[in-house]
Amino acid sequence: MCGRYELKAKARALNRHFPQLHLSQGEMPQTGEIHPTDTVLMITTGNSTGTGTGYLAAKARWGLVGSFLDHAPRSPLITLPSEGLASKPFYSKILKRSRCLIPATAFYEWQSLAGGKHKMRISQPTGEALMFAGIFDQHPLAGTTCAILTTAADATVSRIHDRMPVILDHDEGSFWLSEHEEFPETEFTTMLQTPSRHTLTIEAVIEEAPSPQLSLVFA
């Protein structure tokens, strides 16, 4: 699920959400529709990067490459099921030290309807940014990479898919990024089981047909 998402938020909107972020528009990575292996924006804290202060904006490649791997896999993991992740040795270490939020204004799923699969855009009706729970790691060759955590779909999204990103509100996001001596698995499980406070809407994406002039084949 969530093989693509969208980020069209302005830097000033993210700065309002995260005090002390001080993100400039020039520091924003690619905006618009985000694909796997694209460079994406993630929000961390100084605790996860060693500076110890405030919220920080960082860039990462979407598709997690574990630091223990000799080389990057052909298809790195762009999403990970959040359930039971803390019990897996490698991911339990990442959950303790390398958590992030990945801002998005929408995410996409494909629904099978009459005539084939249709691209569906899922967002908040207000247009406000969503904050996905994510994890990241540093690989000597691949650099900084990240993945989005997923959970069971809510009543809205379950009409087209059984999974969706873990979307955190302001307080949950602050807790997710806070430093903990041990990963708070019980509290995290409770967050996953709590009904989402976000109202989501689904709309079909109408893909524009290519211009006839661009479709000409020249001999």
C-alpha atoms as a PDB file:
ATOM      1  CA  MET A   1       0.000   0.000   0.000  1.00  0.00           C
ATOM      2  CA  CYS A   2       0.930   3.644  -0.300  1.00  0.00           C
ATOM      3  CA  GLY A   3       3.239   3.110  -3.247  1.00  0.00           C
ATOM      4  CA  ARG A   4       3.078   6.844  -3.926  1.00  0.00           C
ATOM      5  CA  TYR A   5       2.214   9.928  -1.945  1.00  0.00           C
ATOM      6  CA  GLU A   6       2.027  13.676  -2.440  1.00  0.00           C
ATOM      7  CA  LEU A   7       3.686  16.628  -0.730  1.00  0.00           C
ATOM      8  CA  LYS A   8       2.556  20.094  -1.762  1.00  0.00           C
ATOM      9  CA  ALA A   9       2.861  21.847   1.603  1.00  0.00           C
ATOM     10  CA  LYS A  10       4.809  25.075   1.908  1.00  0.00           C
ATOM     11  CA  ALA A  11       7.774  25.315   4.270  1.00  0.00           C
ATOM     12  CA  ARG A  12       5.995  27.945   6.371  1.00  0.00           C
ATOM     13  CA  ALA A  13       3.075  25.570   7.002  1.00  0.00           C
ATOM     14  CA  LEU A  14       5.460  22.901   8.306  1.00  0.00           C
ATOM     15  CA  ASN A  15       7.243  25.482  10.458  1.00  0.00           C
ATOM     16  CA  ARG A  16       3.918  26.314  12.112  1.00  0.00           C
ATOM     17  CA  HIS A  17       3.404  22.622  12.858  1.00  0.00           C
ATOM     18  CA  PHE A  18       6.917  22.127  14.246  1.00  0.00           C
ATOM     19  CA  PRO A  19       8.277  24.922  16.474  1.00  0.00           C
ATOM     20  CA  GLN A  20      12.005  25.578  16.005  1.00  0.00           C
ATOM     21  CA  LEU A  21      12.049  23.806  12.627  1.00  0.00           C
ATOM     22  CA  HIS A  22      13.065  26.934  10.646  1.00  0.00           C
ATOM     23  CA  LEU A  23      12.716  25.213   7.280  1.00  0.00           C
ATOM     24  CA  SER A  24      13.164  27.432   4.232  1.00  0.00           C
ATOM     25  CA  GLN A  25      11.391  26.822   0.930  1.00  0.00           C
ATOM     26  CA  GLY A  26      14.766  26.310  -0.714  1.00  0.00           C
ATOM     27  CA  GLU A  27      15.485  23.394   1.632  1.00  0.00           C
ATOM     28  CA  MET A  28      12.349  21.558   0.555  1.00  0.00           C
ATOM     29  CA  PRO A  29      13.088  18.476  -1.564  1.00  0.00           C
ATOM     30  CA  GLN A  30      10.993  17.477  -4.544  1.00  0.00           C
ATOM     31  CA  THR A  31       7.320  18.339  -4.124  1.00  0.00           C
ATOM     32  CA  GLY A  32       4.297  16.973  -5.927  1.00  0.00           C
ATOM     33  CA  GLU A  33       3.850  13.234  -6.419  1.00  0.00           C
ATOM     34  CA  ILE A  34       6.525  11.179  -4.649  1.00  0.00           C
ATOM     35  CA  HIS A  35       7.680   7.809  -6.005  1.00  0.00           C
ATOM     36  CA  PRO A  36       9.835   5.072  -4.410  1.00  0.00           C
ATOM     37  CA  THR A  37      13.588   5.949  -4.402  1.00  0.00           C
ATOM     38  CA  ASP A  38      12.777   9.692  -4.644  1.00  0.00           C
ATOM     39  CA  THR A  39      14.437  12.049  -2.186  1.00  0.00           C
ATOM     40  CA  VAL A  40      11.866  12.921   0.476  1.00  0.00           C
ATOM     41  CA  LEU A  41      11.514  15.238   3.450  1.00  0.00           C
ATOM     42  CA  MET A  42      11.526  13.784   6.934  1.00  0.00           C
ATOM     43  CA  ILE A  43      11.240  15.484  10.322  1.00  0.00           C
ATOM     44  CA  THR A  44      13.420  14.309  13.203  1.00  0.00           C
ATOM     45  CA  THR A  45      14.655  15.760  16.480  1.00  0.00           C
ATOM     46  CA  GLY A  46      18.130  16.637  17.645  1.00  0.00           C
ATOM     47  CA  ASN A  47      18.021  13.515  19.816  1.00  0.00           C
ATOM     48  CA  SER A  48      18.079  11.234  16.776  1.00  0.00           C
ATOM     49  CA  THR A  49      20.898  13.111  15.061  1.00  0.00           C
ATOM     50  CA  GLY A  50      23.062  13.884  18.066  1.00  0.00           C
ATOM     51  CA  THR A  51      22.545  17.659  18.155  1.00  0.00           C
ATOM     52  CA  GLY A  52      20.096  17.371  21.046  1.00  0.00           C
ATOM     53  CA  THR A  53      17.864  20.340  20.205  1.00  0.00           C
ATOM     54  CA  GLY A  54      14.588  21.082  18.450  1.00  0.00           C
ATOM     55  CA  TYR A  55      12.975  19.658  15.341  1.00  0.00           C
ATOM     56  CA  LEU A  56      15.136  19.127  12.290  1.00  0.00           C
ATOM     57  CA  ALA A  57      14.326  18.771   8.605  1.00  0.00           C
ATOM     58  CA  ALA A  58      16.367  16.157   6.776  1.00  0.00           C
ATOM     59  CA  LYS A  59      16.363  14.471   3.396  1.00  0.00           C
ATOM     60  CA  ALA A  60      16.292  10.740   2.804  1.00  0.00           C
ATOM     61  CA  ARG A  61      15.705   8.344  -0.057  1.00  0.00           C
ATOM     62  CA  TRP A  62      12.359   6.584   0.141  1.00  0.00           C
ATOM     63  CA  GLY A  63      13.128   2.877   0.484  1.00  0.00           C
ATOM     64  CA  LEU A  64      14.810   1.594   3.631  1.00  0.00           C
ATOM     65  CA  VAL A  65      18.281   0.059   3.243  1.00  0.00           C
ATOM     66  CA  GLY A  66      19.386  -1.481   6.531  1.00  0.00           C
ATOM     67  CA  SER A  67      22.863  -0.559   7.713  1.00  0.00           C
ATOM     68  CA  PHE A  68      23.689  -4.267   8.105  1.00  0.00           C
ATOM     69  CA  LEU A  69      23.301  -4.959   4.365  1.00  0.00           C
ATOM     70  CA  ASP A  70      26.391  -5.241   2.165  1.00  0.00           C
ATOM     71  CA  HIS A  71      24.611  -3.521  -0.721  1.00  0.00           C
ATOM     72  CA  ALA A  72      21.251  -1.947  -1.447  1.00  0.00           C
ATOM     73  CA  PRO A  73      18.518  -4.386  -2.553  1.00  0.00           C
ATOM     74  CA  ARG A  74      16.913  -3.910  -5.946  1.00  0.00           C
ATOM     75  CA  SER A  75      13.555  -3.103  -4.312  1.00  0.00           C
ATOM     76  CA  PRO A  76      14.117  -1.585  -0.843  1.00  0.00           C
ATOM     77  CA  LEU A  77      11.184  -1.548   1.566  1.00  0.00           C
ATOM     78  CA  ILE A  78       9.091   1.591   1.168  1.00  0.00           C
ATOM     79  CA  THR A  79       6.549   0.524   3.831  1.00  0.00           C
ATOM     80  CA  LEU A  80       6.660  -1.727   6.890  1.00  0.00           C
ATOM     81  CA  PRO A  81       3.773  -3.190   8.934  1.00  0.00           C
ATOM     82  CA  SER A  82       3.916  -1.528  12.346  1.00  0.00           C
ATOM     83  CA  GLU A  83       2.389  -4.504  14.175  1.00  0.00           C
ATOM     84  CA  GLY A  84       5.074  -6.596  15.889  1.00  0.00           C
ATOM     85  CA  LEU A  85       7.913  -4.518  14.463  1.00  0.00           C
ATOM     86  CA  ALA A  86       9.436  -3.879  17.906  1.00  0.00           C
ATOM     87  CA  SER A  87       9.929  -7.624  18.432  1.00  0.00           C
ATOM     88  CA  LYS A  88      12.186  -7.964  15.383  1.00  0.00           C
ATOM     89  CA  PRO A  89      15.861  -7.560  16.358  1.00  0.00           C
ATOM     90  CA  PHE A  90      17.029  -5.145  13.650  1.00  0.00           C
ATOM     91  CA  TYR A  91      13.897  -3.000  13.637  1.00  0.00           C
ATOM     92  CA  SER A  92      13.764  -2.822  17.428  1.00  0.00           C
ATOM     93  CA  LYS A  93      17.109  -0.999  17.310  1.00  0.00           C
ATOM     94  CA  ILE A  94      15.877   1.425  14.651  1.00  0.00           C
ATOM     95  CA  LEU A  95      12.645   2.059  16.566  1.00  0.00           C
ATOM     96  CA  LYS A  96      14.693   3.027  19.608  1.00  0.00           C
ATOM     97  CA  ARG A  97      16.975   5.544  17.907  1.00  0.00           C
ATOM     98  CA  SER A  98      15.808   6.441  14.374  1.00  0.00           C
ATOM     99  CA  ARG A  99      12.159   7.487  14.261  1.00  0.00           C
ATOM    100  CA  CYS A 100      10.890  10.230  11.978  1.00  0.00           C
ATOM    101  CA  LEU A 101       7.748  11.857  10.641  1.00  0.00           C
ATOM    102  CA  ILE A 102       7.210  12.040   6.894  1.00  0.00           C
ATOM    103  CA  PRO A 103       4.877  14.899   5.898  1.00  0.00           C
ATOM    104  CA  ALA A 104       2.424  14.419   3.048  1.00  0.00           C
ATOM    105  CA  THR A 105      -0.636  16.185   1.713  1.00  0.00           C
ATOM    106  CA  ALA A 106      -2.144  12.977   0.289  1.00  0.00           C
ATOM    107  CA  PHE A 107      -1.413   9.352  -0.515  1.00  0.00           C
ATOM    108  CA  TYR A 108      -2.588   7.174  -3.377  1.00  0.00           C
ATOM    109  CA  GLU A 109      -4.172   3.760  -3.780  1.00  0.00           C
ATOM    110  CA  TRP A 110      -5.541   1.968  -6.816  1.00  0.00           C
ATOM    111  CA  GLN A 111      -9.110   0.663  -6.844  1.00  0.00           C
ATOM    112  CA  SER A 112     -10.420  -1.965  -9.228  1.00  0.00           C
ATOM    113  CA  LEU A 113     -13.549  -0.656 -10.889  1.00  0.00           C
ATOM    114  CA  ALA A 114     -15.374  -1.239 -14.137  1.00  0.00           C
ATOM    115  CA  GLY A 115     -12.904  -0.550 -16.900  1.00  0.00           C
ATOM    116  CA  GLY A 116      -9.792  -1.364 -14.869  1.00  0.00           C
ATOM    117  CA  LYS A 117      -7.847   0.101 -11.979  1.00  0.00           C
ATOM    118  CA  HIS A 118      -8.379   3.712 -11.004  1.00  0.00           C
ATOM    119  CA  LYS A 119      -5.961   5.919  -9.104  1.00  0.00           C
ATOM    120  CA  MET A 120      -7.482   7.300  -5.912  1.00  0.00           C
ATOM    121  CA  ARG A 121      -6.172  10.268  -3.934  1.00  0.00           C
ATOM    122  CA  ILE A 122      -6.673  10.178  -0.152  1.00  0.00           C
ATOM    123  CA  SER A 123      -6.305  13.384   1.851  1.00  0.00           C
ATOM    124  CA  GLN A 124      -7.788  15.577   4.543  1.00  0.00           C
ATOM    125  CA  PRO A 125     -10.690  17.693   3.263  1.00  0.00           C
ATOM    126  CA  THR A 126      -8.995  20.788   4.706  1.00  0.00           C
ATOM    127  CA  GLY A 127      -5.862  20.162   2.640  1.00  0.00           C
ATOM    128  CA  GLU A 128      -3.683  20.145   5.766  1.00  0.00           C
ATOM    129  CA  ALA A 129      -0.565  18.003   5.844  1.00  0.00           C
ATOM    130  CA  LEU A 130      -0.652  14.463   7.184  1.00  0.00           C
ATOM    131  CA  MET A 131       2.224  13.181   9.312  1.00  0.00           C
ATOM    132  CA  PHE A 132       3.232   9.581   8.602  1.00  0.00           C
ATOM    133  CA  ALA A 133       5.179   7.638  11.221  1.00  0.00           C
ATOM    134  CA  GLY A 134       8.462   6.513   9.709  1.00  0.00           C
ATOM    135  CA  ILE A 135      11.855   5.057  10.489  1.00  0.00           C
ATOM    136  CA  PHE A 136      15.220   5.699   8.872  1.00  0.00           C
ATOM    137  CA  ASP A 137      18.725   4.309   8.794  1.00  0.00           C
ATOM    138  CA  GLN A 138      22.187   5.219   7.549  1.00  0.00           C
ATOM    139  CA  HIS A 139      23.919   2.957   5.046  1.00  0.00           C
ATOM    140  CA  PRO A 140      27.568   3.530   4.042  1.00  0.00           C
ATOM    141  CA  LEU A 141      26.710   3.296   0.329  1.00  0.00           C
ATOM    142  CA  ALA A 142      22.989   4.123   0.079  1.00  0.00           C
ATOM    143  CA  GLY A 143      23.128   7.044   2.532  1.00  0.00           C
ATOM    144  CA  THR A 144      20.046   7.995   4.564  1.00  0.00           C
ATOM    145  CA  THR A 145      16.965   5.974   3.644  1.00  0.00           C
ATOM    146  CA  CYS A 146      13.502   5.704   5.176  1.00  0.00           C
ATOM    147  CA  ALA A 147      10.254   3.739   5.194  1.00  0.00           C
ATOM    148  CA  ILE A 148       6.654   4.540   6.145  1.00  0.00           C
ATOM    149  CA  LEU A 149       4.949   2.435   8.821  1.00  0.00           C
ATOM    150  CA  THR A 150       1.513   1.035   8.021  1.00  0.00           C
ATOM    151  CA  THR A 151      -1.518  -0.123  10.000  1.00  0.00           C
ATOM    152  CA  ALA A 152      -4.969  -1.564   9.360  1.00  0.00           C
ATOM    153  CA  ALA A 153      -7.073   0.743   7.195  1.00  0.00           C
ATOM    154  CA  ASP A 154      -9.762   2.856   8.814  1.00  0.00           C
ATOM    155  CA  ALA A 155     -13.424   2.814   7.772  1.00  0.00           C
ATOM    156  CA  THR A 156     -12.801   5.207   4.887  1.00  0.00           C
ATOM    157  CA  VAL A 157      -9.675   3.663   3.357  1.00  0.00           C
ATOM    158  CA  SER A 158     -10.800   0.052   3.905  1.00  0.00           C
ATOM    159  CA  ARG A 159     -13.260   0.514   1.021  1.00  0.00           C
ATOM    160  CA  ILE A 160     -10.313   0.351  -1.378  1.00  0.00           C
ATOM    161  CA  HIS A 161      -7.405  -1.186   0.591  1.00  0.00           C
ATOM    162  CA  ASP A 162      -6.820  -3.063   3.845  1.00  0.00           C
ATOM    163  CA  ARG A 163      -3.698  -1.064   4.836  1.00  0.00           C
ATOM    164  CA  MET A 164      -2.828   2.609   5.224  1.00  0.00           C
ATOM    165  CA  PRO A 165       0.029   4.727   6.623  1.00  0.00           C
ATOM    166  CA  VAL A 166       0.216   5.296  10.371  1.00  0.00           C
ATOM    167  CA  ILE A 167      -1.007   8.916  10.597  1.00  0.00           C
ATOM    168  CA  LEU A 168      -0.153  10.757  13.809  1.00  0.00           C
ATOM    169  CA  ASP A 169      -1.743  13.910  15.179  1.00  0.00           C
ATOM    170  CA  HIS A 170       0.318  16.694  16.772  1.00  0.00           C
ATOM    171  CA  ASP A 171       0.592  15.153  20.262  1.00  0.00           C
ATOM    172  CA  GLU A 172       1.196  11.650  18.914  1.00  0.00           C
ATOM    173  CA  GLY A 173       3.857  12.981  16.567  1.00  0.00           C
ATOM    174  CA  SER A 174       5.626  14.758  19.424  1.00  0.00           C
ATOM    175  CA  PHE A 175       5.558  11.550  21.468  1.00  0.00           C
ATOM    176  CA  TRP A 176       6.840   9.545  18.484  1.00  0.00           C
ATOM    177  CA  LEU A 177       9.830  11.852  18.063  1.00  0.00           C
ATOM    178  CA  SER A 178      10.587  12.210  21.781  1.00  0.00           C
ATOM    179  CA  GLU A 179      13.600  10.499  23.299  1.00  0.00           C
ATOM    180  CA  HIS A 180      12.780   7.342  25.274  1.00  0.00           C
ATOM    181  CA  GLU A 181      15.174   5.159  27.219  1.00  0.00           C
ATOM    182  CA  GLU A 182      13.457   2.147  25.687  1.00  0.00           C
ATOM    183  CA  PHE A 183      11.029   2.101  22.788  1.00  0.00           C
ATOM    184  CA  PRO A 184       7.527   2.610  24.333  1.00  0.00           C
ATOM    185  CA  GLU A 185       5.953  -0.419  22.673  1.00  0.00           C
ATOM    186  CA  THR A 186       2.835  -0.457  24.868  1.00  0.00           C
ATOM    187  CA  GLU A 187       2.043   3.195  24.191  1.00  0.00           C
ATOM    188  CA  PHE A 188       2.754   2.740  20.485  1.00  0.00           C
ATOM    189  CA  THR A 189       0.397  -0.251  20.307  1.00  0.00           C
ATOM    190  CA  THR A 190      -2.288   1.829  22.019  1.00  0.00           C
ATOM    191  CA  MET A 191      -1.831   4.586  19.424  1.00  0.00           C
ATOM    192  CA  LEU A 192      -2.310   2.042  16.639  1.00  0.00           C
ATOM    193  CA  GLN A 193      -5.471   0.696  18.226  1.00  0.00           C
ATOM    194  CA  THR A 194      -6.977   4.143  18.864  1.00  0.00           C
ATOM    195  CA  PRO A 195      -9.386   5.215  16.105  1.00  0.00           C
ATOM    196  CA  SER A 196      -7.843   7.892  13.920  1.00  0.00           C
ATOM    197  CA  ARG A 197      -8.905  11.470  14.622  1.00  0.00           C
ATOM    198  CA  HIS A 198      -8.269  12.385  11.004  1.00  0.00           C
ATOM    199  CA  THR A 199     -11.159  12.727   8.589  1.00  0.00           C
ATOM    200  CA  LEU A 200     -10.052  11.463   5.203  1.00  0.00           C
ATOM    201  CA  THR A 201     -11.672  11.838   1.819  1.00  0.00           C
ATOM    202  CA  ILE A 202     -11.132   9.785  -1.328  1.00  0.00           C
ATOM    203  CA  GLU A 203     -11.334  11.168  -4.840  1.00  0.00           C
ATOM    204  CA  ALA A 204     -10.564   9.624  -8.189  1.00  0.00           C
ATOM    205  CA  VAL A 205      -7.601  11.088 -10.046  1.00  0.00           C
ATOM    206  CA  ILE A 206      -8.423  11.933 -13.628  1.00  0.00           C
ATOM    207  CA  GLU A 207      -5.270  11.387 -15.626  1.00  0.00           C
ATOM    208  CA  GLU A 208      -4.891  13.801 -18.510  1.00  0.00           C
ATOM    209  CA  ALA A 209      -4.643  12.199 -21.925  1.00  0.00           C
ATOM    210  CA  PRO A 210      -1.398  12.960 -23.751  1.00  0.00           C
ATOM    211  CA  SER A 211      -1.526  15.693 -26.357  1.00  0.00           C
ATOM    212  CA  PRO A 212      -2.143  14.309 -29.878  1.00  0.00           C
ATOM    213  CA  GLN A 213       0.862  16.335 -31.031  1.00  0.00           C
ATOM    214  CA  LEU A 214       3.077  14.483 -28.535  1.00  0.00           C
ATOM    215  CA  SER A 215       1.705  11.157 -29.711  1.00  0.00           C
ATOM    216  CA  LEU A 216       2.814  11.555 -33.320  1.00  0.00           C
ATOM    217  CA  VAL A 217       5.321   9.039 -34.564  1.00  0.00           C
ATOM    218  CA  PHE A 218       7.803  10.481 -37.007  1.00  0.00           C
ATOM    219  CA  ALA A 219       9.280   8.329 -39.719  1.00  0.00           C
END
